[in-house]
Every structure is written in structure tokens, then in C-alpha cells.
Amino acid sequence: MVTISVCVGSSCHLKGAYDIIRVCEEMIERLGLKDKVELKGTFCLGQCTEEGVTVVIEGETLHGVSAENFEKVFAEKVLQKLTEENRGNN
């Protein structure tokens, strides 16, 4: 299970946090990953001065995330992690 936490604090909300959540939900649904990915909202992570929305994936804090680059982030961080987990289980 991979956990994705999207900051929904005031600053990230204004930077498009809910657009990222929508894109993430669509990707989870489209790729059939409901049982493998947990999506959560979180209040302020204290990174308000950073570019874009702050997202935490499996403990790694990412800055500069947007709806436009989220699919790339998802592929690099989430799908890669799931692939590694599958290798470890075989």
C-alpha cells in the first residue's frame, strides 16, 4: 500500500490542491489501484513558501506539485514503489 498525502492547508488550497486530488482519484480509478493506494488530505505541512502544492508520498515530501505535473509524479513515485513492492513479493 502506498500512501499519498496532499496538503489542503490555505496556501496549498489556493495553489490547486483539490485539482491534484481530483487527478489522483481519476488515476487510481483508471489504473485499478484502489486497494494499493491510499489518498489522504492533510492540513498545513509548513512548506507554504515552496512552489506549488506539497505532497507526501511514503514519507517523502515533494514540493512544486501541480495538476499539470502530477501524472509524472505519480508514475515516478507511486507506480515505481508499487513495482518494487511486487518484485519483493515474488
N, C-alpha and C. Protein backbone atom coordinates (compact mmCIF):
# COMPACT_ATOMS: atom_id res chain seq x y z
N MET A 1 0.85 -1.18 0.00
CA MET A 1 0.00 0.00 0.00
C MET A 1 0.89 1.23 0.00
N VAL A 2 0.61 2.14 -0.91
CA VAL A 2 1.33 3.41 -0.98
C VAL A 2 0.38 4.50 -0.50
N THR A 3 0.87 5.34 0.41
CA THR A 3 0.07 6.43 0.95
C THR A 3 0.50 7.76 0.34
N ILE A 4 -0.48 8.49 -0.16
CA ILE A 4 -0.27 9.83 -0.71
C ILE A 4 -1.05 10.80 0.15
N SER A 5 -0.34 11.80 0.70
CA SER A 5 -0.99 12.84 1.50
C SER A 5 -0.82 14.17 0.78
N VAL A 6 -1.93 14.81 0.47
CA VAL A 6 -1.92 16.10 -0.22
C VAL A 6 -2.28 17.19 0.79
N CYS A 7 -1.41 18.18 0.90
CA CYS A 7 -1.70 19.30 1.80
C CYS A 7 -2.91 20.06 1.28
N VAL A 8 -3.87 20.31 2.16
CA VAL A 8 -5.05 21.09 1.80
C VAL A 8 -5.16 22.34 2.67
N GLY A 9 -4.02 22.74 3.25
CA GLY A 9 -3.98 23.99 4.01
C GLY A 9 -4.27 25.17 3.10
N SER A 10 -4.43 26.34 3.67
CA SER A 10 -4.84 27.53 2.91
C SER A 10 -3.97 27.79 1.70
N SER A 11 -2.66 27.79 1.87
CA SER A 11 -1.75 28.11 0.78
C SER A 11 -1.84 27.06 -0.33
N CYS A 12 -1.78 25.79 0.03
CA CYS A 12 -1.85 24.73 -0.98
C CYS A 12 -3.23 24.66 -1.63
N HIS A 13 -4.26 24.97 -0.85
CA HIS A 13 -5.60 25.03 -1.42
C HIS A 13 -5.63 26.04 -2.57
N LEU A 14 -5.05 27.20 -2.33
CA LEU A 14 -5.03 28.26 -3.36
C LEU A 14 -4.13 27.89 -4.54
N LYS A 15 -3.16 27.02 -4.30
CA LYS A 15 -2.23 26.60 -5.36
C LYS A 15 -2.75 25.41 -6.16
N GLY A 16 -3.93 24.88 -5.79
CA GLY A 16 -4.53 23.81 -6.59
C GLY A 16 -4.55 22.42 -5.98
N ALA A 17 -4.53 22.34 -4.67
CA ALA A 17 -4.52 21.03 -4.01
C ALA A 17 -5.70 20.15 -4.44
N TYR A 18 -6.87 20.75 -4.56
CA TYR A 18 -8.05 19.95 -4.89
C TYR A 18 -8.02 19.47 -6.34
N ASP A 19 -7.34 20.20 -7.21
CA ASP A 19 -7.15 19.72 -8.58
C ASP A 19 -6.25 18.48 -8.59
N ILE A 20 -5.22 18.50 -7.75
CA ILE A 20 -4.33 17.34 -7.64
C ILE A 20 -5.09 16.14 -7.10
N ILE A 21 -5.91 16.36 -6.10
CA ILE A 21 -6.70 15.27 -5.54
C ILE A 21 -7.61 14.67 -6.60
N ARG A 22 -8.24 15.52 -7.40
CA ARG A 22 -9.12 15.03 -8.47
C ARG A 22 -8.33 14.19 -9.48
N VAL A 23 -7.19 14.68 -9.92
CA VAL A 23 -6.36 13.95 -10.88
C VAL A 23 -5.91 12.61 -10.28
N CYS A 24 -5.52 12.63 -9.02
CA CYS A 24 -5.08 11.41 -8.35
C CYS A 24 -6.22 10.40 -8.25
N GLU A 25 -7.38 10.85 -7.86
CA GLU A 25 -8.54 9.95 -7.78
C GLU A 25 -8.84 9.32 -9.14
N GLU A 26 -8.76 10.13 -10.19
CA GLU A 26 -9.01 9.62 -11.54
C GLU A 26 -7.97 8.57 -11.94
N MET A 27 -6.71 8.81 -11.60
CA MET A 27 -5.64 7.86 -11.93
C MET A 27 -5.80 6.55 -11.16
N ILE A 28 -6.11 6.66 -9.88
CA ILE A 28 -6.31 5.46 -9.06
C ILE A 28 -7.44 4.61 -9.64
N GLU A 29 -8.52 5.26 -10.02
CA GLU A 29 -9.67 4.57 -10.60
C GLU A 29 -9.30 3.94 -11.95
N ARG A 30 -8.71 4.74 -12.83
CA ARG A 30 -8.36 4.29 -14.18
C ARG A 30 -7.38 3.12 -14.17
N LEU A 31 -6.44 3.13 -13.23
CA LEU A 31 -5.41 2.10 -13.16
C LEU A 31 -5.79 0.93 -12.25
N GLY A 32 -6.98 1.00 -11.65
CA GLY A 32 -7.44 -0.08 -10.79
C GLY A 32 -6.59 -0.27 -9.54
N LEU A 33 -6.23 0.84 -8.90
CA LEU A 33 -5.32 0.79 -7.75
C LEU A 33 -5.97 1.11 -6.41
N LYS A 34 -7.29 1.01 -6.36
CA LYS A 34 -8.00 1.37 -5.12
C LYS A 34 -7.50 0.60 -3.90
N ASP A 35 -7.10 -0.64 -4.09
CA ASP A 35 -6.63 -1.46 -2.96
C ASP A 35 -5.13 -1.34 -2.74
N LYS A 36 -4.45 -0.51 -3.55
CA LYS A 36 -2.99 -0.38 -3.45
C LYS A 36 -2.53 1.03 -3.10
N VAL A 37 -3.42 2.01 -3.25
CA VAL A 37 -3.04 3.41 -3.00
C VAL A 37 -4.06 4.04 -2.06
N GLU A 38 -3.55 4.66 -1.00
CA GLU A 38 -4.39 5.39 -0.06
C GLU A 38 -4.15 6.88 -0.27
N LEU A 39 -5.19 7.62 -0.56
CA LEU A 39 -5.12 9.06 -0.78
C LEU A 39 -5.73 9.77 0.42
N LYS A 40 -4.96 10.69 1.00
CA LYS A 40 -5.43 11.42 2.16
C LYS A 40 -5.16 12.91 1.98
N GLY A 41 -5.99 13.71 2.60
CA GLY A 41 -5.73 15.14 2.71
C GLY A 41 -5.09 15.39 4.05
N THR A 42 -4.23 16.38 4.12
CA THR A 42 -3.60 16.72 5.39
C THR A 42 -3.57 18.23 5.53
N PHE A 43 -3.64 18.70 6.75
CA PHE A 43 -3.57 20.14 6.96
C PHE A 43 -2.13 20.60 6.81
N CYS A 44 -1.90 21.85 6.97
CA CYS A 44 -0.63 22.50 6.65
C CYS A 44 0.59 21.69 7.08
N LEU A 45 1.51 21.55 6.12
CA LEU A 45 2.76 20.83 6.36
C LEU A 45 3.92 21.80 6.58
N GLY A 46 3.61 23.09 6.68
CA GLY A 46 4.63 24.09 6.99
C GLY A 46 5.58 24.39 5.84
N GLN A 47 5.16 24.12 4.64
CA GLN A 47 6.00 24.35 3.46
C GLN A 47 5.39 25.44 2.56
N CYS A 48 4.72 26.38 3.14
CA CYS A 48 3.92 27.36 2.40
C CYS A 48 4.73 28.23 1.46
N THR A 49 6.00 28.44 1.73
CA THR A 49 6.80 29.31 0.87
C THR A 49 7.36 28.57 -0.35
N GLU A 50 7.19 27.26 -0.40
CA GLU A 50 7.67 26.47 -1.53
C GLU A 50 6.74 26.64 -2.73
N GLU A 51 7.28 26.37 -3.91
CA GLU A 51 6.47 26.39 -5.14
C GLU A 51 5.42 25.29 -5.10
N GLY A 52 4.27 25.53 -5.68
CA GLY A 52 3.25 24.51 -5.86
C GLY A 52 2.72 23.93 -4.57
N VAL A 53 2.03 22.82 -4.73
CA VAL A 53 1.40 22.12 -3.61
C VAL A 53 2.40 21.14 -3.01
N THR A 54 2.33 20.96 -1.70
CA THR A 54 3.18 19.99 -1.02
C THR A 54 2.43 18.67 -0.93
N VAL A 55 3.10 17.61 -1.36
CA VAL A 55 2.55 16.26 -1.34
C VAL A 55 3.57 15.35 -0.67
N VAL A 56 3.09 14.46 0.20
CA VAL A 56 3.97 13.48 0.84
C VAL A 56 3.58 12.11 0.32
N ILE A 57 4.57 11.41 -0.25
CA ILE A 57 4.35 10.05 -0.75
C ILE A 57 5.31 9.13 -0.01
N GLU A 58 4.74 8.25 0.80
CA GLU A 58 5.53 7.30 1.58
C GLU A 58 6.64 8.00 2.37
N GLY A 59 6.30 9.11 3.00
CA GLY A 59 7.24 9.83 3.86
C GLY A 59 8.16 10.80 3.13
N GLU A 60 8.15 10.81 1.81
CA GLU A 60 8.97 11.73 1.03
C GLU A 60 8.16 12.98 0.71
N THR A 61 8.64 14.14 1.16
CA THR A 61 7.95 15.39 0.93
C THR A 61 8.35 15.96 -0.42
N LEU A 62 7.35 16.25 -1.24
CA LEU A 62 7.57 16.79 -2.58
C LEU A 62 6.97 18.18 -2.66
N HIS A 63 7.69 19.08 -3.31
CA HIS A 63 7.23 20.45 -3.50
C HIS A 63 7.02 20.69 -4.98
N GLY A 64 6.28 21.72 -5.29
CA GLY A 64 6.11 22.10 -6.69
C GLY A 64 5.17 21.21 -7.47
N VAL A 65 4.33 20.48 -6.77
CA VAL A 65 3.40 19.57 -7.44
C VAL A 65 2.20 20.38 -7.92
N SER A 66 1.75 20.05 -9.12
CA SER A 66 0.58 20.72 -9.70
C SER A 66 -0.26 19.68 -10.44
N ALA A 67 -1.45 20.06 -10.82
CA ALA A 67 -2.30 19.15 -11.59
C ALA A 67 -1.62 18.80 -12.91
N GLU A 68 -0.84 19.73 -13.45
CA GLU A 68 -0.18 19.51 -14.73
C GLU A 68 0.97 18.51 -14.64
N ASN A 69 1.68 18.45 -13.52
CA ASN A 69 2.81 17.53 -13.42
C ASN A 69 2.53 16.32 -12.53
N PHE A 70 1.30 16.22 -12.02
CA PHE A 70 1.02 15.14 -11.07
C PHE A 70 1.11 13.75 -11.69
N GLU A 71 0.70 13.58 -12.93
CA GLU A 71 0.78 12.25 -13.55
C GLU A 71 2.22 11.77 -13.59
N LYS A 72 3.15 12.66 -13.88
CA LYS A 72 4.58 12.30 -13.89
C LYS A 72 5.04 11.92 -12.49
N VAL A 73 4.65 12.72 -11.49
CA VAL A 73 5.00 12.43 -10.10
C VAL A 73 4.43 11.07 -9.70
N PHE A 74 3.18 10.81 -10.06
CA PHE A 74 2.52 9.55 -9.74
C PHE A 74 3.29 8.38 -10.35
N ALA A 75 3.67 8.51 -11.60
CA ALA A 75 4.41 7.44 -12.28
C ALA A 75 5.76 7.20 -11.63
N GLU A 76 6.48 8.28 -11.33
CA GLU A 76 7.82 8.15 -10.77
C GLU A 76 7.84 7.68 -9.32
N LYS A 77 6.89 8.11 -8.55
CA LYS A 77 6.92 7.82 -7.12
C LYS A 77 6.00 6.67 -6.72
N VAL A 78 4.77 6.68 -7.21
CA VAL A 78 3.78 5.68 -6.77
C VAL A 78 3.91 4.39 -7.57
N LEU A 79 3.86 4.50 -8.89
CA LEU A 79 3.93 3.28 -9.70
C LEU A 79 5.26 2.57 -9.53
N GLN A 80 6.34 3.34 -9.39
CA GLN A 80 7.65 2.73 -9.15
C GLN A 80 7.67 1.99 -7.82
N LYS A 81 7.10 2.58 -6.79
CA LYS A 81 7.04 1.94 -5.47
C LYS A 81 6.20 0.66 -5.53
N LEU A 82 5.08 0.70 -6.22
CA LEU A 82 4.24 -0.49 -6.35
C LEU A 82 4.96 -1.60 -7.12
N THR A 83 5.72 -1.23 -8.13
CA THR A 83 6.50 -2.21 -8.89
C THR A 83 7.55 -2.85 -7.99
N GLU A 84 8.23 -2.04 -7.17
CA GLU A 84 9.23 -2.56 -6.24
C GLU A 84 8.58 -3.51 -5.22
N GLU A 85 7.40 -3.15 -4.72
CA GLU A 85 6.69 -4.00 -3.76
C GLU A 85 6.32 -5.33 -4.40
N ASN A 86 5.87 -5.30 -5.66
CA ASN A 86 5.51 -6.52 -6.36
C ASN A 86 6.70 -7.43 -6.56
N ARG A 87 7.85 -6.84 -6.88
CA ARG A 87 9.08 -7.63 -7.04
C ARG A 87 9.46 -8.31 -5.74
N GLY A 88 9.29 -7.58 -4.63
CA GLY A 88 9.64 -8.13 -3.32
C GLY A 88 8.71 -9.25 -2.89
N ASN A 89 7.50 -9.28 -3.41
CA ASN A 89 6.54 -10.31 -3.03
C ASN A 89 6.64 -11.55 -3.91
N ASN A 90 7.44 -11.50 -4.94
CA ASN A 90 7.57 -12.66 -5.85
C ASN A 90 8.79 -13.47 -5.54
